[in-house]
Amino acid sequence: MKKLMVVAAALLGLSGVGMAAQSAQVNAATTGVVNPTKTIPWTTKVTPVKTVVQIDYRPGYGIAVWSSPNNTAIKGKTLKTGTKWRVFAQANIDGQTWYNLGGNQWIIGIYLTIPANKTVTVGSNPATVRKLSGLDKYDGQLLSATAKELRPGTKWHVYEEKSFNEEMIYNLGGNQWVMADQFK
């Protein structure tokens, strides 16, 4: 009887392992990421990118490097403000853009500036110019609009891109920022 219970327990354990292994499979186009605020692990699509980003945080400080987006910061590993880093992939999770530095090293996009060199055209409505400064810049908030608006159909050069409040903004030079969705 005792031997029968041991065999039954072993079989139940093996079937549980089989189920766990099956549920842990992830499509090759996604990366499994554990979100500590949710009870169930989730996955997200990772998009390859090749660019260089600059850390844009408070002077004299740095940002944390994470083992995966929204998961665990790597203890003692930060990147200083003003330094530039090559990124290889990006993922959008809970409205935030994360960038991969290679391997299990991720940084959050709100504290990055991405160099750009492109021309964009204002859409069918005027585009509102905004300025970033002080704490607003580092907390991901745009200041109120300036009095300047860009006419529909006009072309503008973009020098930098930045992710703010789940949206991309463009720097047209001289701290003049416009929401990317205002362009065609």
Protein backbone atom coordinates (compact mmCIF):
# COMPACT_ATOMS: atom_id res chain seq x y z
CA MET A 1 0.00 0.00 0.00
CA LYS A 2 2.81 2.38 0.96
CA LYS A 3 4.64 1.54 -2.30
CA LEU A 4 1.46 2.23 -4.31
CA MET A 5 1.10 5.71 -2.73
CA VAL A 6 4.75 6.53 -3.52
CA VAL A 7 4.25 5.51 -7.18
CA ALA A 8 1.01 7.54 -7.39
CA ALA A 9 2.73 10.59 -5.89
CA ALA A 10 5.61 10.22 -8.36
CA LEU A 11 3.22 10.02 -11.31
CA LEU A 12 1.30 13.09 -10.15
CA GLY A 13 4.58 14.95 -9.76
CA LEU A 14 5.67 14.00 -13.27
CA SER A 15 2.37 15.06 -14.79
CA GLY A 16 2.68 18.42 -13.01
CA VAL A 17 6.18 18.86 -14.41
CA GLY A 18 4.89 18.07 -17.89
CA MET A 19 2.14 20.66 -17.56
CA ALA A 20 4.55 23.30 -16.25
CA ALA A 21 6.99 22.67 -19.10
CA GLN A 22 4.18 22.89 -21.65
CA SER A 23 2.84 26.20 -20.28
CA ALA A 24 6.34 27.72 -20.19
CA GLN A 25 6.85 27.40 -23.96
CA VAL A 26 7.15 30.79 -25.66
CA ASN A 27 6.98 31.67 -29.33
CA ALA A 28 10.43 32.56 -30.71
CA ALA A 29 9.14 36.03 -31.68
CA THR A 30 8.35 36.87 -28.05
CA THR A 31 10.30 37.08 -24.84
CA GLY A 32 8.87 35.81 -21.58
CA VAL A 33 8.89 38.58 -18.98
CA VAL A 34 7.65 38.29 -15.44
CA ASN A 35 5.74 41.34 -14.23
CA PRO A 36 5.80 41.46 -10.43
CA THR A 37 2.54 43.44 -10.33
CA LYS A 38 0.64 40.61 -12.04
CA THR A 39 0.09 37.10 -10.79
CA ILE A 40 0.59 35.41 -14.16
CA PRO A 41 3.79 35.70 -16.24
CA TRP A 42 3.18 37.38 -19.59
CA THR A 43 4.98 37.78 -22.89
CA THR A 44 5.52 40.65 -25.25
CA LYS A 45 6.80 41.11 -28.76
CA VAL A 46 10.41 42.21 -29.01
CA THR A 47 11.32 44.25 -32.11
CA PRO A 48 14.93 44.32 -33.35
CA VAL A 49 16.44 47.82 -33.61
CA LYS A 50 19.97 49.03 -34.22
CA THR A 51 20.65 52.48 -32.85
CA VAL A 52 22.58 54.37 -30.21
CA VAL A 53 20.77 56.04 -27.33
CA GLN A 54 21.92 58.64 -24.83
CA ILE A 55 21.01 58.51 -21.14
CA ASP A 56 19.04 61.67 -20.37
CA TYR A 57 18.42 61.76 -16.62
CA ARG A 58 19.28 64.19 -13.82
CA PRO A 59 22.92 65.41 -14.08
CA GLY A 60 25.25 63.42 -11.83
CA TYR A 61 22.93 60.42 -11.64
CA GLY A 62 22.24 57.35 -13.72
CA ILE A 63 19.48 54.92 -14.57
CA ALA A 64 19.07 51.29 -13.53
CA VAL A 65 19.75 48.37 -15.82
CA TRP A 66 17.11 45.63 -15.53
CA SER A 67 17.38 41.88 -16.10
CA SER A 68 14.15 42.11 -18.15
CA PRO A 69 11.54 44.83 -18.64
CA ASN A 70 9.50 45.59 -15.52
CA ASN A 71 11.18 42.76 -13.62
CA THR A 72 14.32 43.16 -11.51
CA ALA A 73 16.94 45.90 -11.54
CA ILE A 74 20.47 44.49 -11.63
CA LYS A 75 21.97 45.42 -8.27
CA GLY A 76 24.75 48.00 -8.58
CA LYS A 77 24.43 48.38 -12.36
CA THR A 78 23.53 51.90 -13.56
CA LEU A 79 24.30 53.94 -16.66
CA LYS A 80 25.39 57.55 -16.09
CA THR A 81 23.61 60.54 -17.58
CA GLY A 82 25.19 61.69 -20.84
CA THR A 83 26.66 58.30 -21.77
CA LYS A 84 25.74 56.65 -25.06
CA TRP A 85 24.82 53.00 -25.54
CA ARG A 86 24.08 50.74 -28.50
CA VAL A 87 20.67 49.05 -28.34
CA PHE A 88 19.57 45.95 -30.20
CA ALA A 89 15.86 45.53 -29.52
CA GLN A 90 12.83 47.26 -28.03
CA ALA A 91 9.68 46.09 -26.29
CA ASN A 92 6.54 48.01 -25.34
CA ILE A 93 5.13 46.90 -21.99
CA ASP A 94 2.32 48.55 -20.03
CA GLY A 95 2.71 51.72 -22.10
CA GLN A 96 6.48 51.97 -21.59
CA THR A 97 9.19 51.38 -24.19
CA TRP A 98 12.17 49.32 -23.02
CA TYR A 99 15.48 48.91 -24.90
CA ASN A 100 17.79 45.89 -24.84
CA LEU A 101 21.55 46.47 -24.48
CA GLY A 102 22.29 42.83 -25.27
CA GLY A 103 21.61 39.71 -23.27
CA ASN A 104 19.49 40.24 -20.16
CA GLN A 105 20.16 43.98 -19.90
CA TRP A 106 17.22 46.36 -20.39
CA ILE A 107 16.72 50.09 -19.84
CA ILE A 108 13.50 52.09 -19.78
CA GLY A 109 12.94 54.53 -22.65
CA ILE A 110 11.63 57.52 -20.69
CA TYR A 111 15.18 58.42 -19.67
CA LEU A 112 16.69 58.13 -23.15
CA THR A 113 17.18 60.41 -26.09
CA ILE A 114 17.47 58.74 -29.48
CA PRO A 115 19.40 60.67 -32.13
CA ALA A 116 17.40 61.14 -35.33
CA ASN A 117 18.12 62.63 -38.71
CA LYS A 118 14.92 62.75 -40.69
CA THR A 119 12.39 65.13 -42.16
CA VAL A 120 8.71 64.95 -41.25
CA THR A 121 5.62 66.71 -42.59
CA VAL A 122 2.94 68.24 -40.36
CA GLY A 123 -0.42 66.49 -40.79
CA SER A 124 -3.76 68.11 -41.62
CA ASN A 125 -3.97 70.04 -38.31
CA PRO A 126 -1.49 72.56 -36.87
CA ALA A 127 1.19 70.95 -34.66
CA THR A 128 1.72 72.41 -31.19
CA VAL A 129 5.31 73.10 -30.08
CA ARG A 130 6.18 72.30 -26.43
CA LYS A 131 9.22 72.83 -24.22
CA LEU A 132 10.81 70.49 -21.67
CA SER A 133 12.55 71.78 -18.55
CA GLY A 134 13.35 71.06 -14.91
CA LEU A 135 11.64 68.16 -13.16
CA ASP A 136 9.04 67.89 -15.89
CA LYS A 137 11.73 66.68 -18.28
CA TYR A 138 12.84 63.89 -15.97
CA ASP A 139 9.40 62.84 -14.80
CA GLY A 140 8.19 62.36 -18.35
CA GLN A 141 5.78 65.29 -18.44
CA LEU A 142 5.59 67.92 -21.16
CA LEU A 143 5.17 71.51 -20.10
CA SER A 144 2.25 73.48 -21.42
CA ALA A 145 2.32 74.42 -25.08
CA THR A 146 4.24 77.44 -26.33
CA ALA A 147 2.51 80.04 -28.49
CA LYS A 148 4.12 78.47 -31.56
CA GLU A 149 2.19 76.19 -33.92
CA LEU A 150 3.45 74.59 -37.10
CA ARG A 151 1.30 74.97 -40.22
CA PRO A 152 -0.18 71.84 -41.84
CA GLY A 153 1.87 70.48 -44.73
CA THR A 154 5.14 72.15 -43.65
CA LYS A 155 8.31 70.05 -43.43
CA TRP A 156 10.57 69.95 -40.36
CA HIS A 157 13.89 68.31 -39.50
CA VAL A 158 13.91 65.97 -36.48
CA TYR A 159 17.12 65.86 -34.41
CA GLU A 160 16.03 63.60 -31.54
CA GLU A 161 13.21 61.30 -30.50
CA LYS A 162 12.04 60.56 -26.96
CA SER A 163 9.33 58.41 -25.43
CA PHE A 164 7.05 60.39 -23.08
CA ASN A 165 3.80 59.27 -21.47
CA GLU A 166 3.47 56.29 -23.82
CA GLU A 167 3.95 58.49 -26.91
CA MET A 168 6.90 59.47 -29.08
CA ILE A 169 7.93 63.13 -29.31
CA TYR A 170 10.31 64.79 -31.76
CA ASN A 171 12.88 67.50 -31.02
CA LEU A 172 12.96 69.98 -33.88
CA GLY A 173 16.00 71.71 -32.35
CA GLY A 174 16.44 74.27 -29.59
CA ASN A 175 14.21 72.43 -27.08
CA GLN A 176 11.20 72.56 -29.41
CA TRP A 177 9.29 69.29 -29.01
CA VAL A 178 6.23 68.14 -30.96
CA MET A 179 4.15 64.99 -30.49
CA ALA A 180 5.06 62.52 -33.26
CA ASP A 181 1.40 61.76 -34.02
CA GLN A 182 0.97 65.32 -35.34
CA PHE A 183 3.03 64.42 -38.42
CA LYS A 184 2.14 62.34 -41.49
